[in-house]
Amino acid sequence: MTALTVALGDRSYPVYFEHAAESALVARVVKTARHGRALVVSDERVARLHGERLVEALRAAGLQAVLLQFAEGEASKTLATVARLADEAIRFGVDRTTPVVALGGGLTGDVAGLLAALLLRGVPLIQVPTTTLSQVDSSVGGKTGVNHPLGKNLIGAFHQPAWVQVDTAYLDSLPLRDRRAGLAEAVKHAALASPALLAALTALPADLPPRALGPLIQAAVAIKAQVVAADEREAGQRQILNLGHTLGHALESASHEHTAGEAPLRHGEAVSLGLAWALEESVAHTGLPPGDAEQVRSALIQLGLPVDWRPRVTAAVIDRLASDKKIRGEYVHLILLAGLGRPLIVPVTLQDLRARLLRAIDGRTR
């Protein structure tokens, strides 16, 4: 076991890195649950794979534990889901020492995290991410939230976990597509702060074995932990973690609403497309050397991630940009690069952003 600390003063917490360590997880949950109760929250698929076994192990260790489930998929990321889970938690007898264990991917972490933030004005949250995406990125930093019909993650709160356990054994149950998609966030972290991590990601074997991913996940989390420690609530520098997300979120939302005959984009796939666009914008507007842009693009391609964003930019995608939660007045804070490890926060008007993308559509159709 190795660990690092997200340094937030009296809200600091450890992130433990393990492989096949359910016994350690149970012991930590028992220690956190001071009055002997715990809630485990999972979507239905993860509940079958891991949640039922974890709850039985917690009960065997002496806890009163209950498994709260919701339907798999983006359609469940709503206030209605949180309200139903809260009803079940209250009927179970939650108190302010009852931890909520978020066992699952990024969507579960967001939903369970918001539940923990709202129950009794805040109960302990334990993040146990089971996907590459959530292990690399979303389980750390305290962002929770659900979607609104007008955009992703528009309703939420900051609620830091008590601790996080990253166990790469969970990744064995993931399809290769999901293992790949989650690594888009690791590429993003590498572009922001670590050319060495970028090179290591590019050199991964094609089947992405979980044990090989472990050190790279830890390196990516270390980058995010430093950024979060410097700017917990995204008032300034933490905005750089949105590299690739402005267009990415719009593409992801539109794909869930308008996809016909193909699976909607995974979050990481959308981030990869948004990152490819941000690289082009950076070369054109902030002096990113083309060779640096190509290194990042090559890493995405080597990992099997999509980079051809132009065919996916539609009127629906452009309309979605107006709902970006990073808008301040008429300005969107784009995250671009002046070089590898040199991120810039660039305010552009929503009108200018739309015009840039409309030009991309025009160029595509000529």
Protein backbone atom coordinates (compact mmCIF):
# COMPACT_ATOMS: atom_id res chain seq x y z
CA MET A 1 0.00 0.00 0.00
CA THR A 2 1.12 3.53 -0.79
CA ALA A 3 -0.67 6.77 0.00
CA LEU A 4 -0.61 10.49 -0.60
CA THR A 5 -2.35 13.35 1.16
CA VAL A 6 -4.66 15.98 -0.30
CA ALA A 7 -3.51 18.89 1.86
CA LEU A 8 -6.52 21.01 2.84
CA GLY A 9 -5.76 21.96 6.42
CA ASP A 10 -8.29 20.45 8.80
CA ARG A 11 -10.05 18.87 5.81
CA SER A 12 -6.93 17.05 4.58
CA TYR A 13 -7.40 13.41 3.68
CA PRO A 14 -5.40 10.43 2.46
CA VAL A 15 -5.69 8.62 -0.86
CA TYR A 16 -4.67 4.97 -0.49
CA PHE A 17 -3.39 3.03 -3.50
CA GLU A 18 -3.98 -0.74 -3.29
CA HIS A 19 -4.52 -3.87 -5.34
CA ALA A 20 -7.08 -6.49 -4.24
CA ALA A 21 -7.38 -5.03 -0.75
CA GLU A 22 -11.02 -5.45 0.31
CA SER A 23 -9.98 -6.38 3.85
CA ALA A 24 -8.17 -3.06 4.22
CA LEU A 25 -11.23 -1.28 2.85
CA VAL A 26 -13.52 -2.98 5.38
CA ALA A 27 -11.18 -2.15 8.27
CA ARG A 28 -11.07 1.53 7.26
CA VAL A 29 -14.85 1.77 6.90
CA VAL A 30 -15.33 0.16 10.33
CA LYS A 31 -12.94 2.69 11.85
CA THR A 32 -14.75 5.60 10.19
CA ALA A 33 -18.27 4.42 11.14
CA ARG A 34 -18.05 5.46 14.79
CA HIS A 35 -21.65 4.52 15.66
CA GLY A 36 -21.64 1.24 13.77
CA ARG A 37 -23.62 2.12 10.62
CA ALA A 38 -22.60 2.59 7.01
CA LEU A 39 -24.31 3.25 3.67
CA VAL A 40 -22.86 1.80 0.46
CA VAL A 41 -24.08 3.50 -2.74
CA SER A 42 -23.61 1.85 -6.14
CA ASP A 43 -25.30 1.60 -9.49
CA GLU A 44 -26.99 -1.73 -10.15
CA ARG A 45 -24.13 -3.18 -12.18
CA VAL A 46 -21.44 -2.39 -9.59
CA ALA A 47 -23.78 -3.53 -6.83
CA ARG A 48 -23.88 -6.99 -8.44
CA LEU A 49 -20.14 -7.10 -9.12
CA HIS A 50 -18.80 -5.66 -5.87
CA GLY A 51 -21.40 -3.97 -3.68
CA GLU A 52 -23.26 -6.96 -2.30
CA ARG A 53 -19.99 -8.64 -1.32
CA LEU A 54 -18.73 -5.45 0.38
CA VAL A 55 -21.92 -5.03 2.40
CA GLU A 56 -21.74 -8.65 3.56
CA ALA A 57 -18.11 -8.12 4.59
CA LEU A 58 -19.03 -4.97 6.53
CA ARG A 59 -21.83 -6.83 8.30
CA ALA A 60 -19.45 -9.68 9.14
CA ALA A 61 -17.15 -7.06 10.70
CA GLY A 62 -19.97 -5.91 12.98
CA LEU A 63 -21.47 -2.95 11.13
CA GLN A 64 -25.09 -2.31 10.29
CA ALA A 65 -24.62 -1.76 6.57
CA VAL A 66 -27.09 -1.25 3.75
CA LEU A 67 -26.65 -1.14 -0.03
CA LEU A 68 -28.45 1.70 -1.81
CA GLN A 69 -28.73 1.19 -5.58
CA PHE A 70 -29.77 3.20 -8.61
CA ALA A 71 -30.07 2.40 -12.31
CA GLU A 72 -26.86 2.47 -14.31
CA GLY A 73 -26.36 5.37 -16.72
CA GLU A 74 -26.42 9.12 -17.14
CA ALA A 75 -30.24 9.24 -16.91
CA SER A 76 -29.91 8.49 -13.18
CA LYS A 77 -27.68 11.50 -12.49
CA THR A 78 -30.55 13.66 -11.21
CA LEU A 79 -31.90 15.27 -8.07
CA ALA A 80 -34.72 12.72 -8.16
CA THR A 81 -32.19 9.91 -7.69
CA VAL A 82 -30.52 11.73 -4.80
CA ALA A 83 -33.92 12.37 -3.19
CA ARG A 84 -34.87 8.68 -3.38
CA LEU A 85 -31.52 7.59 -1.93
CA ALA A 86 -31.90 10.17 0.85
CA ASP A 87 -35.32 8.74 1.71
CA GLU A 88 -33.83 5.25 1.99
CA ALA A 89 -30.90 6.53 4.07
CA ILE A 90 -33.17 8.37 6.52
CA ARG A 91 -35.41 5.32 6.90
CA PHE A 92 -32.28 3.25 7.60
CA GLY A 93 -31.39 5.59 10.47
CA VAL A 94 -28.45 7.64 9.21
CA ASP A 95 -26.79 9.97 11.72
CA ARG A 96 -24.00 12.51 11.29
CA THR A 97 -21.32 9.86 11.85
CA THR A 98 -22.71 7.41 9.26
CA PRO A 99 -20.35 7.29 6.27
CA VAL A 100 -21.59 7.13 2.70
CA VAL A 101 -19.33 4.77 0.74
CA ALA A 102 -19.40 5.73 -2.94
CA LEU A 103 -18.55 2.44 -4.65
CA GLY A 104 -18.45 2.89 -8.40
CA GLY A 105 -17.42 5.18 -11.22
CA GLY A 106 -17.49 8.93 -11.55
CA LEU A 107 -21.26 9.10 -11.84
CA THR A 108 -21.68 7.16 -8.59
CA GLY A 109 -19.10 9.36 -6.89
CA ASP A 110 -21.00 12.48 -7.95
CA VAL A 111 -24.42 11.15 -6.88
CA ALA A 112 -23.27 9.58 -3.61
CA GLY A 113 -21.11 12.62 -2.89
CA LEU A 114 -24.05 14.98 -3.24
CA LEU A 115 -26.12 12.65 -1.06
CA ALA A 116 -23.41 12.81 1.63
CA ALA A 117 -23.22 16.60 1.36
CA LEU A 118 -26.99 16.99 1.81
CA LEU A 119 -27.84 14.36 4.42
CA LEU A 120 -28.10 16.07 7.83
CA ARG A 121 -26.11 18.96 6.26
CA GLY A 122 -23.13 16.69 5.73
CA VAL A 123 -22.05 13.17 6.66
CA PRO A 124 -18.67 11.49 6.03
CA LEU A 125 -17.97 10.50 2.44
CA ILE A 126 -15.67 7.64 1.45
CA GLN A 127 -14.74 7.38 -2.22
CA VAL A 128 -14.01 3.87 -3.53
CA PRO A 129 -13.62 4.39 -7.29
CA THR A 130 -14.00 1.32 -9.49
CA THR A 131 -13.26 2.77 -12.96
CA THR A 132 -10.13 4.20 -14.52
CA LEU A 133 -11.80 7.59 -14.87
CA SER A 134 -12.84 7.84 -11.24
CA GLN A 135 -9.52 6.48 -9.97
CA VAL A 136 -7.49 8.92 -12.05
CA ASP A 137 -9.61 11.98 -11.45
CA SER A 138 -13.14 12.34 -10.13
CA SER A 139 -12.82 10.59 -6.75
CA VAL A 140 -10.35 13.26 -5.56
CA GLY A 141 -11.18 16.93 -5.09
CA GLY A 142 -14.60 17.04 -3.46
CA LYS A 143 -16.75 17.90 -6.47
CA THR A 144 -20.21 16.36 -6.32
CA GLY A 145 -23.26 17.01 -8.46
CA VAL A 146 -26.05 16.00 -10.76
CA ASN A 147 -27.20 17.09 -14.18
CA HIS A 148 -29.95 19.50 -15.17
CA PRO A 149 -31.79 19.38 -18.51
CA LEU A 150 -29.77 22.43 -19.55
CA GLY A 151 -26.34 21.00 -18.80
CA LYS A 152 -23.97 18.67 -16.95
CA ASN A 153 -23.23 19.01 -13.25
CA LEU A 154 -25.15 22.25 -12.84
CA ILE A 155 -26.47 21.27 -9.39
CA GLY A 156 -23.92 20.23 -6.80
CA ALA A 157 -21.66 21.03 -3.89
CA PHE A 158 -18.07 20.74 -2.76
CA HIS A 159 -17.87 17.95 -0.17
CA GLN A 160 -14.42 16.49 0.44
CA PRO A 161 -14.14 12.79 1.25
CA ALA A 162 -12.84 11.50 4.57
CA TRP A 163 -10.51 9.29 2.51
CA VAL A 164 -10.22 7.60 -0.88
CA GLN A 165 -9.19 4.02 -1.64
CA VAL A 166 -7.96 3.42 -5.19
CA ASP A 167 -7.84 -0.33 -5.81
CA THR A 168 -6.74 -1.29 -9.32
CA ALA A 169 -8.19 -4.81 -8.96
CA TYR A 170 -11.62 -3.31 -9.70
CA LEU A 171 -10.39 -2.44 -13.20
CA ASP A 172 -10.30 -6.14 -14.15
CA SER A 173 -14.08 -6.04 -14.54
CA LEU A 174 -14.03 -3.08 -16.96
CA PRO A 175 -14.40 -3.40 -20.74
CA LEU A 176 -11.30 -2.20 -22.56
CA ARG A 177 -13.25 0.77 -23.95
CA ASP A 178 -13.88 2.07 -20.43
CA ARG A 179 -10.33 1.39 -19.30
CA ARG A 180 -9.12 3.48 -22.24
CA ALA A 181 -11.65 6.28 -21.84
CA GLY A 182 -10.66 6.98 -18.25
CA LEU A 183 -7.06 7.56 -19.23
CA ALA A 184 -8.03 10.72 -21.14
CA GLU A 185 -8.00 12.50 -17.77
CA ALA A 186 -4.51 11.15 -17.07
CA VAL A 187 -3.33 12.54 -20.43
CA LYS A 188 -4.88 15.86 -19.46
CA HIS A 189 -2.99 15.88 -16.14
CA ALA A 190 0.22 15.00 -17.96
CA ALA A 191 -0.24 17.84 -20.45
CA LEU A 192 -0.77 20.23 -17.56
CA ALA A 193 2.19 19.20 -15.45
CA SER A 194 4.22 16.12 -16.40
CA PRO A 195 5.86 15.29 -19.74
CA ALA A 196 7.27 12.16 -18.04
CA LEU A 197 3.75 10.91 -17.31
CA LEU A 198 2.77 11.66 -20.90
CA ALA A 199 5.62 9.48 -22.17
CA ALA A 200 4.68 6.66 -19.78
CA LEU A 201 1.05 6.73 -20.91
CA THR A 202 2.10 6.59 -24.55
CA ALA A 203 4.21 3.49 -23.82
CA LEU A 204 1.42 1.44 -22.17
CA PRO A 205 0.62 -1.99 -23.61
CA ALA A 206 -2.53 -2.13 -25.72
CA ASP A 207 -4.52 -4.23 -23.21
CA LEU A 208 -3.88 -1.73 -20.37
CA PRO A 209 -3.33 -4.27 -17.55
CA PRO A 210 -4.56 -2.90 -14.21
CA ARG A 211 -1.29 -3.50 -12.34
CA ALA A 212 0.59 -1.53 -15.00
CA LEU A 213 -1.87 1.32 -14.61
CA GLY A 214 -1.35 1.60 -10.86
CA PRO A 215 1.78 3.81 -10.80
CA LEU A 216 0.41 6.03 -13.58
CA ILE A 217 -2.90 6.50 -11.75
CA GLN A 218 -0.98 7.51 -8.64
CA ALA A 219 1.13 9.99 -10.60
CA ALA A 220 -1.99 11.55 -12.14
CA VAL A 221 -3.74 11.79 -8.76
CA ALA A 222 -0.65 13.46 -7.28
CA ILE A 223 -0.94 16.22 -9.90
CA LYS A 224 -4.61 16.76 -9.17
CA ALA A 225 -4.02 16.72 -5.40
CA GLN A 226 -1.50 19.56 -5.71
CA VAL A 227 -3.90 21.67 -7.76
CA VAL A 228 -6.83 21.03 -5.41
CA ALA A 229 -4.71 21.85 -2.35
CA ALA A 230 -3.84 25.23 -3.89
CA ASP A 231 -7.43 26.10 -4.93
CA GLU A 232 -10.06 23.89 -3.32
CA ARG A 233 -13.17 25.61 -4.70
CA GLU A 234 -12.01 26.46 -8.22
CA ALA A 235 -11.70 30.20 -7.61
CA GLY A 236 -8.53 30.41 -9.69
CA GLN A 237 -5.83 27.90 -10.58
CA ARG A 238 -8.01 24.80 -10.18
CA GLN A 239 -9.77 25.87 -13.37
CA ILE A 240 -6.82 24.42 -15.32
CA LEU A 241 -8.25 20.95 -14.60
CA ASN A 242 -11.00 21.85 -17.07
CA LEU A 243 -8.60 21.47 -19.99
CA GLY A 244 -10.58 19.70 -22.71
CA HIS A 245 -13.87 19.97 -20.82
CA THR A 246 -15.51 23.03 -22.39
CA LEU A 247 -16.14 21.37 -25.73
CA GLY A 248 -15.98 17.91 -24.15
CA HIS A 249 -18.99 18.45 -21.88
CA ALA A 250 -21.03 19.85 -24.77
CA LEU A 251 -20.16 16.87 -26.96
CA GLU A 252 -20.96 14.42 -24.17
CA SER A 253 -24.35 15.97 -23.39
CA ALA A 254 -25.34 16.15 -27.04
CA SER A 255 -24.32 12.53 -27.64
CA HIS A 256 -26.65 11.34 -24.87
CA GLU A 257 -29.54 13.28 -26.35
CA HIS A 258 -29.08 12.86 -30.08
CA THR A 259 -27.12 9.65 -30.66
CA ALA A 260 -28.83 7.29 -33.10
CA GLY A 261 -27.49 3.80 -33.71
CA GLU A 262 -24.33 4.15 -31.60
CA ALA A 263 -23.43 4.28 -27.92
CA PRO A 264 -23.19 7.76 -26.37
CA LEU A 265 -19.72 9.09 -25.74
CA ARG A 266 -18.01 8.07 -22.52
CA HIS A 267 -16.91 11.06 -20.48
CA GLY A 268 -13.25 10.32 -21.18
CA GLU A 269 -13.89 10.03 -24.91
CA ALA A 270 -15.58 13.44 -24.87
CA VAL A 271 -12.65 14.89 -22.92
CA SER A 272 -10.25 13.42 -25.47
CA LEU A 273 -12.14 15.15 -28.29
CA GLY A 274 -12.25 18.40 -26.31
CA LEU A 275 -8.55 18.12 -25.58
CA ALA A 276 -7.75 17.62 -29.28
CA TRP A 277 -9.71 20.83 -30.04
CA ALA A 278 -7.95 22.72 -27.22
CA LEU A 279 -4.57 21.67 -28.63
CA GLU A 280 -5.47 23.17 -32.02
CA GLU A 281 -6.72 26.35 -30.35
CA SER A 282 -3.51 26.54 -28.33
CA VAL A 283 -1.31 26.22 -31.41
CA ALA A 284 -3.35 28.93 -33.16
CA HIS A 285 -3.77 31.39 -30.29
CA THR A 286 -1.36 30.84 -27.36
CA GLY A 287 1.89 29.75 -28.98
CA LEU A 288 1.82 26.03 -28.14
CA PRO A 289 4.59 24.47 -30.25
CA PRO A 290 3.08 22.09 -32.80
CA GLY A 291 5.47 19.37 -31.62
CA ASP A 292 4.09 19.61 -28.08
CA ALA A 293 0.55 19.40 -29.40
CA GLU A 294 1.48 16.34 -31.42
CA GLN A 295 2.92 14.59 -28.34
CA VAL A 296 -0.40 14.94 -26.52
CA ARG A 297 -2.43 13.99 -29.58
CA SER A 298 -0.21 10.94 -30.16
CA ALA A 299 -0.74 9.80 -26.57
CA LEU A 300 -4.51 9.95 -27.06
CA ILE A 301 -4.30 8.02 -30.32
CA GLN A 302 -1.93 5.42 -28.83
CA LEU A 303 -4.47 4.82 -26.04
CA GLY A 304 -7.23 4.25 -28.60
CA LEU A 305 -9.05 7.50 -27.82
CA PRO A 306 -10.90 9.63 -30.39
CA VAL A 307 -9.37 12.91 -31.58
CA ASP A 308 -11.43 13.82 -34.67
CA TRP A 309 -13.78 16.37 -33.12
CA ARG A 310 -14.92 18.23 -36.25
CA PRO A 311 -17.57 15.72 -37.45
CA ARG A 312 -19.18 15.83 -34.02
CA VAL A 313 -19.64 19.61 -33.78
CA THR A 314 -23.32 20.24 -34.52
CA ALA A 315 -25.76 23.04 -33.82
CA ALA A 316 -26.88 21.11 -30.71
CA VAL A 317 -23.30 20.99 -29.43
CA ILE A 318 -22.82 24.72 -29.97
CA ASP A 319 -26.10 25.45 -28.18
CA ARG A 320 -24.86 23.41 -25.22
CA LEU A 321 -21.90 25.74 -24.71
CA ALA A 322 -24.22 28.39 -23.27
CA SER A 323 -24.90 26.06 -20.31
CA ASP A 324 -21.25 25.58 -19.38
CA LYS A 325 -20.97 26.10 -15.63
CA LYS A 326 -17.63 27.89 -16.10
CA ILE A 327 -19.28 30.86 -17.81
CA ARG A 328 -18.79 34.17 -15.99
CA GLY A 329 -21.17 36.72 -17.46
CA GLU A 330 -20.54 36.57 -21.20
CA TYR A 331 -17.13 34.94 -20.83
CA VAL A 332 -16.06 31.32 -20.97
CA HIS A 333 -12.73 30.58 -19.30
CA LEU A 334 -10.99 28.37 -21.85
CA ILE A 335 -8.03 26.36 -20.63
CA LEU A 336 -5.28 26.34 -23.24
CA LEU A 337 -1.55 25.57 -23.25
CA ALA A 338 1.46 27.73 -23.99
CA GLY A 339 3.59 24.57 -23.78
CA LEU A 340 3.62 21.24 -22.00
CA GLY A 341 3.24 22.04 -18.31
CA ARG A 342 2.29 25.66 -19.08
CA PRO A 343 -1.52 26.00 -18.87
CA LEU A 344 -3.27 29.32 -19.45
CA ILE A 345 -6.73 30.52 -18.43
CA VAL A 346 -8.05 32.45 -21.43
CA PRO A 347 -11.39 34.31 -21.16
CA VAL A 348 -13.28 34.41 -24.45
CA THR A 349 -16.80 35.60 -25.08
CA LEU A 350 -19.45 33.01 -25.72
CA GLN A 351 -20.06 34.72 -29.06
CA ASP A 352 -16.39 34.32 -30.03
CA LEU A 353 -16.36 30.68 -28.94
CA ARG A 354 -19.42 29.93 -31.02
CA ALA A 355 -17.89 31.72 -34.00
CA ARG A 356 -14.71 29.62 -33.78
CA LEU A 357 -16.71 26.41 -33.80
CA LEU A 358 -18.99 27.59 -36.58
CA ARG A 359 -15.89 28.21 -38.67
CA ALA A 360 -14.89 24.61 -37.98
CA ILE A 361 -18.27 23.45 -39.27
CA ASP A 362 -17.91 25.64 -42.36
CA GLY A 363 -14.47 24.24 -43.05
CA ARG A 364 -15.76 20.70 -42.66
CA THR A 365 -18.55 21.11 -45.20
CA ARG A 366 -16.56 22.76 -47.95
